[in-house]
Amino acid sequence: MTGHLSAVWRLTRFQEYVSFVIITTLLGAAAGQGSLAWPLIMVLIANWLAVGFAFMVNDVEDAPDDAMTPTKARRNPVSSGHISPRSARLLSLTVAVVASILYASLGLGPFLAGGACIVLGYLYSSRHVRLKATPVADLISHALILAGLQFLAAYLTFDGGPLSRWAGAFVLVVAISLYGQLFNELRDFDGDLSAGVTHTASLLGRRTTTSLMMAWLSIGVVSAIFSILVARMIPVWVIVLTVLLAGLMSWRRLPQVLRARSAVELHGPFQKPVEIAAAIALLAWFALPWAPSVISNLMVTPP
């Protein structure tokens, strides 16, 4: 049983998106002037499940191909035989249904945004469509599944902010998602090319893809500045805390960065620390209003 549960956990690949979903969801909630309450918790869980469904379907659909590469076969529990394709499909369907129920309980807006995320998550990897192997469509679908639609689901859960307040944050999460997708395509460029995989990077080439990746990163930075200084949606201290935490988590990787000979090698060591740091800082921001009551309860002495 323990081995089966381990295979199920590996199939979800939860650790790969847990932080980024927190970021997109909390930014969407902030744009909608939401707070830390049950609706936010429910949309966060629904977003985790919707993205988890996309990752699970990806492993099921890629299992035959992953089985031909030892490293991918070990990572993919379907390829390694630790879970059957039928069981994996049933589990992914269950995750999608639960996510849909949670979205529906939050209202029509979150249900439509979440439902679109689930449908795109299937089409992204399905061998009948395979958006991830279609240039340009791979970028658009990735940005919507892993950023834009999560943001909108959270925003529509509260729907309390004007366009001027949420536009910058929406562009921020989409731009960073596009940057991440191009980074992944550059990282896997040689392997994908030898395997005959077609995506935007293979169509544009390394140099143009790198330039496009940096352009989206720049757009993300500008959008973050707009959200902080103009829309005043994100407090400055949240950014400061993000930078401090990211620095603490990544300083040991500095030698690796100094030896970098490409954009992928330069940016790679910082991506996950920054992502985790931003998630922690945003969680602290949303939890801060609860701090006085929690502290007062802890300080009350029993009679």
C-alpha atoms as a PDB file:
ATOM      1  CA  MET A   1       0.000   0.000   0.000  1.00  0.00           C
ATOM      2  CA  THR A   2       2.827   2.354   0.888  1.00  0.00           C
ATOM      3  CA  GLY A   3       4.421   1.833  -2.525  1.00  0.00           C
ATOM      4  CA  HIS A   4       1.120   2.492  -4.285  1.00  0.00           C
ATOM      5  CA  LEU A   5       0.539   5.712  -2.329  1.00  0.00           C
ATOM      6  CA  SER A   6       4.069   6.800  -3.155  1.00  0.00           C
ATOM      7  CA  ALA A   7       3.375   6.206  -6.860  1.00  0.00           C
ATOM      8  CA  VAL A   8       0.161   8.232  -6.648  1.00  0.00           C
ATOM      9  CA  TRP A   9       2.026  11.090  -4.958  1.00  0.00           C
ATOM     10  CA  ARG A  10       4.737  11.011  -7.627  1.00  0.00           C
ATOM     11  CA  LEU A  11       2.047  11.092 -10.313  1.00  0.00           C
ATOM     12  CA  THR A  12       0.666  14.387  -8.958  1.00  0.00           C
ATOM     13  CA  ARG A  13       4.148  16.022  -9.054  1.00  0.00           C
ATOM     14  CA  PHE A  14       2.803  18.400  -6.414  1.00  0.00           C
ATOM     15  CA  GLN A  15       6.199  19.788  -5.434  1.00  0.00           C
ATOM     16  CA  GLU A  16       6.707  21.178  -8.944  1.00  0.00           C
ATOM     17  CA  TYR A  17       3.818  23.646  -8.831  1.00  0.00           C
ATOM     18  CA  VAL A  18       2.774  24.077  -5.188  1.00  0.00           C
ATOM     19  CA  SER A  19       4.570  27.422  -4.774  1.00  0.00           C
ATOM     20  CA  PHE A  20       3.632  28.929  -8.119  1.00  0.00           C
ATOM     21  CA  VAL A  21      -0.058  28.115  -7.642  1.00  0.00           C
ATOM     22  CA  ILE A  22       0.073  29.890  -4.272  1.00  0.00           C
ATOM     23  CA  ILE A  23       1.507  32.954  -6.020  1.00  0.00           C
ATOM     24  CA  THR A  24      -1.029  33.093  -8.846  1.00  0.00           C
ATOM     25  CA  THR A  25      -3.963  32.373  -6.537  1.00  0.00           C
ATOM     26  CA  LEU A  26      -3.030  34.919  -3.877  1.00  0.00           C
ATOM     27  CA  LEU A  27      -2.327  37.611  -6.460  1.00  0.00           C
ATOM     28  CA  GLY A  28      -5.730  36.940  -8.022  1.00  0.00           C
ATOM     29  CA  ALA A  29      -7.373  37.136  -4.607  1.00  0.00           C
ATOM     30  CA  ALA A  30      -5.512  40.366  -3.841  1.00  0.00           C
ATOM     31  CA  ALA A  31      -6.711  41.874  -7.129  1.00  0.00           C
ATOM     32  CA  GLY A  32     -10.261  40.941  -6.139  1.00  0.00           C
ATOM     33  CA  GLN A  33      -9.715  42.455  -2.678  1.00  0.00           C
ATOM     34  CA  GLY A  34     -10.116  39.066  -1.045  1.00  0.00           C
ATOM     35  CA  SER A  35      -8.827  37.948   2.322  1.00  0.00           C
ATOM     36  CA  LEU A  36      -7.730  34.768   4.045  1.00  0.00           C
ATOM     37  CA  ALA A  37     -11.070  32.974   4.481  1.00  0.00           C
ATOM     38  CA  TRP A  38     -12.757  29.780   3.324  1.00  0.00           C
ATOM     39  CA  PRO A  39     -13.391  30.949  -0.272  1.00  0.00           C
ATOM     40  CA  LEU A  40      -9.676  31.633  -0.717  1.00  0.00           C
ATOM     41  CA  ILE A  41      -8.713  28.277   0.767  1.00  0.00           C
ATOM     42  CA  MET A  42     -11.204  26.501  -1.503  1.00  0.00           C
ATOM     43  CA  VAL A  43     -10.036  28.222  -4.695  1.00  0.00           C
ATOM     44  CA  LEU A  44      -6.412  27.520  -3.756  1.00  0.00           C
ATOM     45  CA  ILE A  45      -7.167  23.805  -3.338  1.00  0.00           C
ATOM     46  CA  ALA A  46      -9.179  23.810  -6.580  1.00  0.00           C
ATOM     47  CA  ASN A  47      -6.276  25.446  -8.437  1.00  0.00           C
ATOM     48  CA  TRP A  48      -3.818  22.912  -7.017  1.00  0.00           C
ATOM     49  CA  LEU A  49      -6.085  20.090  -8.172  1.00  0.00           C
ATOM     50  CA  ALA A  50      -6.622  21.571 -11.649  1.00  0.00           C
ATOM     51  CA  VAL A  51      -2.888  21.977 -12.226  1.00  0.00           C
ATOM     52  CA  GLY A  52      -2.264  18.552 -10.674  1.00  0.00           C
ATOM     53  CA  PHE A  53      -4.708  17.087 -13.197  1.00  0.00           C
ATOM     54  CA  ALA A  54      -2.698  18.641 -16.045  1.00  0.00           C
ATOM     55  CA  PHE A  55       0.539  17.114 -14.716  1.00  0.00           C
ATOM     56  CA  MET A  56      -1.082  13.716 -14.172  1.00  0.00           C
ATOM     57  CA  VAL A  57      -2.521  13.610 -17.692  1.00  0.00           C
ATOM     58  CA  ASN A  58       0.883  14.612 -19.027  1.00  0.00           C
ATOM     59  CA  ASP A  59       2.551  11.627 -17.348  1.00  0.00           C
ATOM     60  CA  VAL A  60      -0.139   9.234 -18.566  1.00  0.00           C
ATOM     61  CA  GLU A  61       0.063  10.459 -22.167  1.00  0.00           C
ATOM     62  CA  ASP A  62       3.878  10.603 -22.171  1.00  0.00           C
ATOM     63  CA  ALA A  63       4.351   7.228 -20.491  1.00  0.00           C
ATOM     64  CA  PRO A  64       5.224   5.265 -23.694  1.00  0.00           C
ATOM     65  CA  ASP A  65       7.827   7.870 -24.691  1.00  0.00           C
ATOM     66  CA  ASP A  66       9.222   8.281 -21.166  1.00  0.00           C
ATOM     67  CA  ALA A  67       9.681   4.508 -20.906  1.00  0.00           C
ATOM     68  CA  MET A  68      12.428   4.726 -23.561  1.00  0.00           C
ATOM     69  CA  THR A  69      14.527   7.095 -21.429  1.00  0.00           C
ATOM     70  CA  PRO A  70      15.804   5.659 -18.105  1.00  0.00           C
ATOM     71  CA  THR A  71      15.729   8.954 -16.162  1.00  0.00           C
ATOM     72  CA  LYS A  72      12.216   9.844 -17.339  1.00  0.00           C
ATOM     73  CA  ALA A  73      11.006   6.290 -16.778  1.00  0.00           C
ATOM     74  CA  ARG A  74      12.122   6.399 -13.138  1.00  0.00           C
ATOM     75  CA  ARG A  75      10.397   9.740 -12.584  1.00  0.00           C
ATOM     76  CA  ASN A  76       7.152   8.760 -14.295  1.00  0.00           C
ATOM     77  CA  PRO A  77       5.337   6.131 -12.134  1.00  0.00           C
ATOM     78  CA  VAL A  78       3.264   4.999 -15.128  1.00  0.00           C
ATOM     79  CA  SER A  79       6.376   4.358 -17.245  1.00  0.00           C
ATOM     80  CA  SER A  80       8.110   2.562 -14.389  1.00  0.00           C
ATOM     81  CA  GLY A  81       5.105   0.289 -13.880  1.00  0.00           C
ATOM     82  CA  HIS A  82       4.365   1.426 -10.318  1.00  0.00           C
ATOM     83  CA  ILE A  83       0.852   2.425 -11.341  1.00  0.00           C
ATOM     84  CA  SER A  84      -1.193   1.220 -14.309  1.00  0.00           C
ATOM     85  CA  PRO A  85      -2.323   3.609 -17.066  1.00  0.00           C
ATOM     86  CA  ARG A  86      -5.954   2.787 -16.254  1.00  0.00           C
ATOM     87  CA  SER A  87      -5.522   3.617 -12.565  1.00  0.00           C
ATOM     88  CA  ALA A  88      -3.636   6.796 -13.423  1.00  0.00           C
ATOM     89  CA  ARG A  89      -6.404   7.917 -15.777  1.00  0.00           C
ATOM     90  CA  LEU A  90      -9.050   7.176 -13.158  1.00  0.00           C
ATOM     91  CA  LEU A  91      -7.128   9.126 -10.527  1.00  0.00           C
ATOM     92  CA  SER A  92      -6.639  12.095 -12.835  1.00  0.00           C
ATOM     93  CA  LEU A  93     -10.356  12.088 -13.677  1.00  0.00           C
ATOM     94  CA  THR A  94     -11.209  12.018  -9.972  1.00  0.00           C
ATOM     95  CA  VAL A  95      -8.942  15.004  -9.349  1.00  0.00           C
ATOM     96  CA  ALA A  96     -10.593  16.912 -12.203  1.00  0.00           C
ATOM     97  CA  VAL A  97     -14.097  16.170 -10.871  1.00  0.00           C
ATOM     98  CA  VAL A  98     -13.241  17.293  -7.336  1.00  0.00           C
ATOM     99  CA  ALA A  99     -11.655  20.486  -8.688  1.00  0.00           C
ATOM    100  CA  SER A 100     -14.770  21.172 -10.772  1.00  0.00           C
ATOM    101  CA  ILE A 101     -17.036  20.727  -7.752  1.00  0.00           C
ATOM    102  CA  LEU A 102     -14.943  23.169  -5.717  1.00  0.00           C
ATOM    103  CA  TYR A 103     -14.952  25.739  -8.524  1.00  0.00           C
ATOM    104  CA  ALA A 104     -18.732  25.374  -8.954  1.00  0.00           C
ATOM    105  CA  SER A 105     -19.265  25.985  -5.241  1.00  0.00           C
ATOM    106  CA  LEU A 106     -17.517  29.348  -5.595  1.00  0.00           C
ATOM    107  CA  GLY A 107     -19.762  30.684  -8.358  1.00  0.00           C
ATOM    108  CA  LEU A 108     -20.124  30.792 -12.130  1.00  0.00           C
ATOM    109  CA  GLY A 109     -16.991  32.879 -12.770  1.00  0.00           C
ATOM    110  CA  PRO A 110     -14.573  30.603 -10.902  1.00  0.00           C
ATOM    111  CA  PHE A 111     -16.282  27.547 -12.430  1.00  0.00           C
ATOM    112  CA  LEU A 112     -15.799  28.835 -15.995  1.00  0.00           C
ATOM    113  CA  ALA A 113     -12.161  29.830 -15.389  1.00  0.00           C
ATOM    114  CA  GLY A 114     -11.377  26.599 -13.555  1.00  0.00           C
ATOM    115  CA  GLY A 115     -13.222  24.480 -16.100  1.00  0.00           C
ATOM    116  CA  ALA A 116     -11.245  26.093 -18.914  1.00  0.00           C
ATOM    117  CA  CYS A 117      -8.042  25.301 -17.009  1.00  0.00           C
ATOM    118  CA  ILE A 118      -9.028  21.627 -16.691  1.00  0.00           C
ATOM    119  CA  VAL A 119     -10.003  21.322 -20.370  1.00  0.00           C
ATOM    120  CA  LEU A 120      -6.784  22.989 -21.522  1.00  0.00           C
ATOM    121  CA  GLY A 121      -4.813  20.784 -19.136  1.00  0.00           C
ATOM    122  CA  TYR A 122      -6.152  17.756 -20.978  1.00  0.00           C
ATOM    123  CA  LEU A 123      -5.680  19.186 -24.481  1.00  0.00           C
ATOM    124  CA  TYR A 124      -2.136  20.265 -23.637  1.00  0.00           C
ATOM    125  CA  SER A 125      -0.906  16.667 -23.370  1.00  0.00           C
ATOM    126  CA  SER A 126      -3.569  14.553 -25.089  1.00  0.00           C
ATOM    127  CA  ARG A 127      -2.145  12.659 -28.047  1.00  0.00           C
ATOM    128  CA  HIS A 128      -5.243  13.572 -30.036  1.00  0.00           C
ATOM    129  CA  VAL A 129      -4.446  17.314 -29.789  1.00  0.00           C
ATOM    130  CA  ARG A 130      -1.072  17.785 -28.015  1.00  0.00           C
ATOM    131  CA  LEU A 131      -0.970  21.571 -27.686  1.00  0.00           C
ATOM    132  CA  LYS A 132       2.425  21.308 -26.029  1.00  0.00           C
ATOM    133  CA  ALA A 133       3.901  20.075 -29.327  1.00  0.00           C
ATOM    134  CA  THR A 134       2.335  22.897 -31.361  1.00  0.00           C
ATOM    135  CA  PRO A 135       4.440  26.068 -31.693  1.00  0.00           C
ATOM    136  CA  VAL A 136       2.845  29.200 -30.178  1.00  0.00           C
ATOM    137  CA  ALA A 137      -0.101  27.138 -28.875  1.00  0.00           C
ATOM    138  CA  ASP A 138       2.330  25.569 -26.386  1.00  0.00           C
ATOM    139  CA  LEU A 139       3.101  29.007 -24.939  1.00  0.00           C
ATOM    140  CA  ILE A 140      -0.487  30.259 -24.831  1.00  0.00           C
ATOM    141  CA  SER A 141      -1.894  27.095 -23.258  1.00  0.00           C
ATOM    142  CA  HIS A 142       0.961  26.872 -20.723  1.00  0.00           C
ATOM    143  CA  ALA A 143       0.464  30.492 -19.651  1.00  0.00           C
ATOM    144  CA  LEU A 144      -3.267  29.963 -19.198  1.00  0.00           C
ATOM    145  CA  ILE A 145      -3.071  26.591 -17.408  1.00  0.00           C
ATOM    146  CA  LEU A 146      -0.252  27.479 -15.019  1.00  0.00           C
ATOM    147  CA  ALA A 147      -0.988  31.153 -14.420  1.00  0.00           C
ATOM    148  CA  GLY A 148      -3.752  33.138 -16.118  1.00  0.00           C
ATOM    149  CA  LEU A 149      -6.761  30.927 -15.405  1.00  0.00           C
ATOM    150  CA  GLN A 150      -5.715  30.281 -11.806  1.00  0.00           C
ATOM    151  CA  PHE A 151      -5.415  34.037 -11.290  1.00  0.00           C
ATOM    152  CA  LEU A 152      -8.851  34.638 -12.833  1.00  0.00           C
ATOM    153  CA  ALA A 153     -10.486  31.864 -10.791  1.00  0.00           C
ATOM    154  CA  ALA A 154      -9.236  33.506  -7.588  1.00  0.00           C
ATOM    155  CA  TYR A 155     -10.093  37.026  -8.761  1.00  0.00           C
ATOM    156  CA  LEU A 156     -13.628  36.012  -9.773  1.00  0.00           C
ATOM    157  CA  THR A 157     -14.112  34.316  -6.406  1.00  0.00           C
ATOM    158  CA  PHE A 158     -14.079  37.808  -4.880  1.00  0.00           C
ATOM    159  CA  ASP A 159     -14.545  40.129  -7.902  1.00  0.00           C
ATOM    160  CA  GLY A 160     -13.890  43.268  -5.926  1.00  0.00           C
ATOM    161  CA  GLY A 161     -11.284  45.116  -7.933  1.00  0.00           C
ATOM    162  CA  PRO A 162     -11.308  47.335 -11.036  1.00  0.00           C
ATOM    163  CA  LEU A 163      -9.358  46.591 -14.222  1.00  0.00           C
ATOM    164  CA  SER A 164      -6.628  49.080 -13.299  1.00  0.00           C
ATOM    165  CA  ARG A 165      -5.972  47.071 -10.131  1.00  0.00           C
ATOM    166  CA  TRP A 166      -5.759  43.538 -11.522  1.00  0.00           C
ATOM    167  CA  ALA A 167      -4.414  44.063 -15.066  1.00  0.00           C
ATOM    168  CA  GLY A 168      -0.807  44.544 -13.968  1.00  0.00           C
ATOM    169  CA  ALA A 169      -0.830  41.480 -11.713  1.00  0.00           C
ATOM    170  CA  PHE A 170      -2.472  39.380 -14.432  1.00  0.00           C
ATOM    171  CA  VAL A 171       0.193  40.391 -16.960  1.00  0.00           C
ATOM    172  CA  LEU A 172       2.830  39.662 -14.306  1.00  0.00           C
ATOM    173  CA  VAL A 173       1.820  36.027 -13.737  1.00  0.00           C
ATOM    174  CA  VAL A 174       1.269  35.360 -17.459  1.00  0.00           C
ATOM    175  CA  ALA A 175       4.618  36.896 -18.413  1.00  0.00           C
ATOM    176  CA  ILE A 176       6.503  34.894 -15.777  1.00  0.00           C
ATOM    177  CA  SER A 177       4.729  31.713 -16.911  1.00  0.00           C
ATOM    178  CA  LEU A 178       5.738  32.369 -20.527  1.00  0.00           C
ATOM    179  CA  TYR A 179       9.293  33.039 -19.385  1.00  0.00           C
ATOM    180  CA  GLY A 180       9.254  29.725 -17.504  1.00  0.00           C
ATOM    181  CA  GLN A 181       7.937  27.764 -20.471  1.00  0.00           C
ATOM    182  CA  LEU A 182      10.587  29.178 -22.811  1.00  0.00           C
ATOM    183  CA  PHE A 183      13.225  28.457 -20.162  1.00  0.00           C
ATOM    184  CA  ASN A 184      12.072  24.820 -20.011  1.00  0.00           C
ATOM    185  CA  GLU A 185      12.120  24.517 -23.802  1.00  0.00           C
ATOM    186  CA  LEU A 186      15.669  25.910 -23.922  1.00  0.00           C
ATOM    187  CA  ARG A 187      16.765  23.604 -21.106  1.00  0.00           C
ATOM    188  CA  ASP A 188      15.422  20.539 -22.943  1.00  0.00           C
ATOM    189  CA  PHE A 189      16.309  21.853 -26.412  1.00  0.00           C
ATOM    190  CA  ASP A 190      18.830  19.188 -27.455  1.00  0.00           C
ATOM    191  CA  GLY A 191      16.863  16.248 -26.072  1.00  0.00           C
ATOM    192  CA  ASP A 192      13.605  17.446 -27.617  1.00  0.00           C
ATOM    193  CA  LEU A 193      15.311  18.063 -30.944  1.00  0.00           C
ATOM    194  CA  SER A 194      16.750  14.539 -31.075  1.00  0.00           C
ATOM    195  CA  ALA A 195      13.341  13.129 -30.108  1.00  0.00           C
ATOM    196  CA  GLY A 196      11.643  15.070 -32.893  1.00  0.00           C
ATOM    197  CA  VAL A 197       9.558  17.215 -30.513  1.00  0.00           C
ATOM    198  CA  THR A 198       8.226  20.381 -32.123  1.00  0.00           C
ATOM    199  CA  HIS A 199       7.605  23.466 -30.000  1.00  0.00           C
ATOM    200  CA  THR A 200       8.188  27.214 -30.152  1.00  0.00           C
ATOM    201  CA  ALA A 201      11.873  27.014 -29.238  1.00  0.00           C
ATOM    202  CA  SER A 202      12.607  24.422 -31.921  1.00  0.00           C
ATOM    203  CA  LEU A 203      10.884  26.671 -34.443  1.00  0.00           C
ATOM    204  CA  LEU A 204      12.647  29.906 -33.421  1.00  0.00           C
ATOM    205  CA  GLY A 205      16.085  28.543 -32.497  1.00  0.00           C
ATOM    206  CA  ARG A 206      18.168  29.134 -29.376  1.00  0.00           C
ATOM    207  CA  ARG A 207      19.101  32.781 -29.908  1.00  0.00           C
ATOM    208  CA  THR A 208      15.623  34.066 -30.742  1.00  0.00           C
ATOM    209  CA  THR A 209      14.050  31.979 -27.982  1.00  0.00           C
ATOM    210  CA  THR A 210      16.502  33.392 -25.442  1.00  0.00           C
ATOM    211  CA  SER A 211      15.676  36.939 -26.546  1.00  0.00           C
ATOM    212  CA  LEU A 212      11.949  36.213 -26.305  1.00  0.00           C
ATOM    213  CA  MET A 213      12.419  34.652 -22.880  1.00  0.00           C
ATOM    214  CA  MET A 214      14.227  37.753 -21.609  1.00  0.00           C
ATOM    215  CA  ALA A 215      11.547  39.980 -23.133  1.00  0.00           C
ATOM    216  CA  TRP A 216       8.815  38.200 -21.166  1.00  0.00           C
ATOM    217  CA  LEU A 217      10.915  38.380 -18.005  1.00  0.00           C
ATOM    218  CA  SER A 218      11.289  42.133 -18.538  1.00  0.00           C
ATOM    219  CA  ILE A 219       7.539  42.503 -19.046  1.00  0.00           C
ATOM    220  CA  GLY A 220       7.011  40.614 -15.805  1.00  0.00           C
ATOM    221  CA  VAL A 221       9.367  42.936 -13.924  1.00  0.00           C
ATOM    222  CA  VAL A 222       7.677  46.053 -15.339  1.00  0.00           C
ATOM    223  CA  SER A 223       4.254  44.627 -14.428  1.00  0.00           C
ATOM    224  CA  ALA A 224       5.461  43.940 -10.885  1.00  0.00           C
ATOM    225  CA  ILE A 225       6.677  47.532 -10.568  1.00  0.00           C
ATOM    226  CA  PHE A 226       3.313  48.780 -11.855  1.00  0.00           C
ATOM    227  CA  SER A 227       1.431  46.612  -9.360  1.00  0.00           C
ATOM    228  CA  ILE A 228       3.591  47.909  -6.488  1.00  0.00           C
ATOM    229  CA  LEU A 229       4.032  51.607  -7.247  1.00  0.00           C
ATOM    230  CA  VAL A 230       1.009  52.525  -9.409  1.00  0.00           C
ATOM    231  CA  ALA A 231      -1.826  50.127  -8.607  1.00  0.00           C
ATOM    232  CA  ARG A 232      -0.505  49.766  -5.032  1.00  0.00           C
ATOM    233  CA  MET A 233      -1.767  46.217  -4.983  1.00  0.00           C
ATOM    234  CA  ILE A 234       1.340  44.596  -3.492  1.00  0.00           C
ATOM    235  CA  PRO A 235       2.994  46.140  -0.402  1.00  0.00           C
ATOM    236  CA  VAL A 236       6.673  46.985  -0.791  1.00  0.00           C
ATOM    237  CA  TRP A 237       7.570  44.913   2.276  1.00  0.00           C
ATOM    238  CA  VAL A 238       6.302  41.764   0.520  1.00  0.00           C
ATOM    239  CA  ILE A 239       8.839  42.309  -2.272  1.00  0.00           C
ATOM    240  CA  VAL A 240      11.609  43.061   0.231  1.00  0.00           C
ATOM    241  CA  LEU A 241      10.815  39.877   2.136  1.00  0.00           C
ATOM    242  CA  THR A 242      10.798  37.920  -1.122  1.00  0.00           C
ATOM    243  CA  VAL A 243      14.253  39.218  -2.053  1.00  0.00           C
ATOM    244  CA  LEU A 244      15.687  38.485   1.401  1.00  0.00           C
ATOM    245  CA  LEU A 245      14.303  34.949   1.538  1.00  0.00           C
ATOM    246  CA  ALA A 246      15.390  34.200  -2.026  1.00  0.00           C
ATOM    247  CA  GLY A 247      18.887  35.418  -1.196  1.00  0.00           C
ATOM    248  CA  LEU A 248      19.082  33.202   1.872  1.00  0.00           C
ATOM    249  CA  MET A 249      17.921  30.167  -0.096  1.00  0.00           C
ATOM    250  CA  SER A 250      20.184  30.652  -3.108  1.00  0.00           C
ATOM    251  CA  TRP A 251      23.493  32.069  -1.887  1.00  0.00           C
ATOM    252  CA  ARG A 252      25.114  28.630  -1.873  1.00  0.00           C
ATOM    253  CA  ARG A 253      24.415  28.375  -5.599  1.00  0.00           C
ATOM    254  CA  LEU A 254      26.486  31.467  -6.377  1.00  0.00           C
ATOM    255  CA  PRO A 255      29.549  29.473  -7.599  1.00  0.00           C
ATOM    256  CA  GLN A 256      27.276  27.639 -10.044  1.00  0.00           C
ATOM    257  CA  VAL A 257      25.974  30.978 -11.330  1.00  0.00           C
ATOM    258  CA  LEU A 258      29.477  32.395 -11.743  1.00  0.00           C
ATOM    259  CA  ARG A 259      30.353  29.437 -13.973  1.00  0.00           C
ATOM    260  CA  ALA A 260      27.241  29.930 -16.114  1.00  0.00           C
ATOM    261  CA  ARG A 261      27.767  30.078 -19.868  1.00  0.00           C
ATOM    262  CA  SER A 262      24.150  30.476 -20.966  1.00  0.00           C
ATOM    263  CA  ALA A 263      20.917  32.124 -19.872  1.00  0.00           C
ATOM    264  CA  VAL A 264      19.594  28.739 -18.735  1.00  0.00           C
ATOM    265  CA  GLU A 265      22.621  28.104 -16.492  1.00  0.00           C
ATOM    266  CA  LEU A 266      22.475  31.693 -15.188  1.00  0.00           C
ATOM    267  CA  HIS A 267      18.777  31.754 -14.296  1.00  0.00           C
ATOM    268  CA  GLY A 268      18.216  28.119 -13.324  1.00  0.00           C
ATOM    269  CA  PRO A 269      19.664  28.239  -9.768  1.00  0.00           C
ATOM    270  CA  PHE A 270      17.480  31.231  -8.839  1.00  0.00           C
ATOM    271  CA  GLN A 271      14.105  30.131 -10.186  1.00  0.00           C
ATOM    272  CA  LYS A 272      12.905  27.812  -7.443  1.00  0.00           C
ATOM    273  CA  PRO A 273      14.247  29.908  -4.510  1.00  0.00           C
ATOM    274  CA  VAL A 274      12.518  33.030  -5.852  1.00  0.00           C
ATOM    275  CA  GLU A 275       9.301  31.091  -6.416  1.00  0.00           C
ATOM    276  CA  ILE A 276       9.286  29.643  -2.884  1.00  0.00           C
ATOM    277  CA  ALA A 277      10.256  32.995  -1.355  1.00  0.00           C
ATOM    278  CA  ALA A 278       7.427  34.821  -3.167  1.00  0.00           C
ATOM    279  CA  ALA A 279       4.905  32.202  -2.033  1.00  0.00           C
ATOM    280  CA  ILE A 280       6.021  32.544   1.606  1.00  0.00           C
ATOM    281  CA  ALA A 281       5.948  36.353   1.465  1.00  0.00           C
ATOM    282  CA  LEU A 282       2.452  36.426  -0.050  1.00  0.00           C
ATOM    283  CA  LEU A 283       1.187  33.915   2.532  1.00  0.00           C
ATOM    284  CA  ALA A 284       2.629  36.115   5.280  1.00  0.00           C
ATOM    285  CA  TRP A 285       0.839  39.134   3.799  1.00  0.00           C
ATOM    286  CA  PHE A 286      -2.521  37.372   3.780  1.00  0.00           C
ATOM    287  CA  ALA A 287      -1.995  35.852   7.244  1.00  0.00           C
ATOM    288  CA  LEU A 288      -0.889  39.146   8.833  1.00  0.00           C
ATOM    289  CA  PRO A 289      -4.423  40.389   9.710  1.00  0.00           C
ATOM    290  CA  TRP A 290      -4.900  37.189  11.725  1.00  0.00           C
ATOM    291  CA  ALA A 291      -1.730  37.743  13.772  1.00  0.00           C
ATOM    292  CA  PRO A 292      -3.179  39.985  16.558  1.00  0.00           C
ATOM    293  CA  SER A 293      -6.016  37.584  17.382  1.00  0.00           C
ATOM    294  CA  VAL A 294      -3.702  34.570  17.295  1.00  0.00           C
ATOM    295  CA  ILE A 295      -1.182  36.287  19.575  1.00  0.00           C
ATOM    296  CA  SER A 296      -3.872  37.431  21.993  1.00  0.00           C
ATOM    297  CA  ASN A 297      -5.258  33.907  22.204  1.00  0.00           C
ATOM    298  CA  LEU A 298      -1.804  32.516  22.907  1.00  0.00           C
ATOM    299  CA  MET A 299      -1.205  35.089  25.638  1.00  0.00           C
ATOM    300  CA  VAL A 300      -4.449  34.399  27.477  1.00  0.00           C
ATOM    301  CA  THR A 301      -3.669  32.473  30.637  1.00  0.00           C
ATOM    302  CA  PRO A 302      -6.095  29.849  31.898  1.00  0.00           C
ATOM    303  CA  PRO A 303      -8.059  30.734  35.047  1.00  0.00           C
END
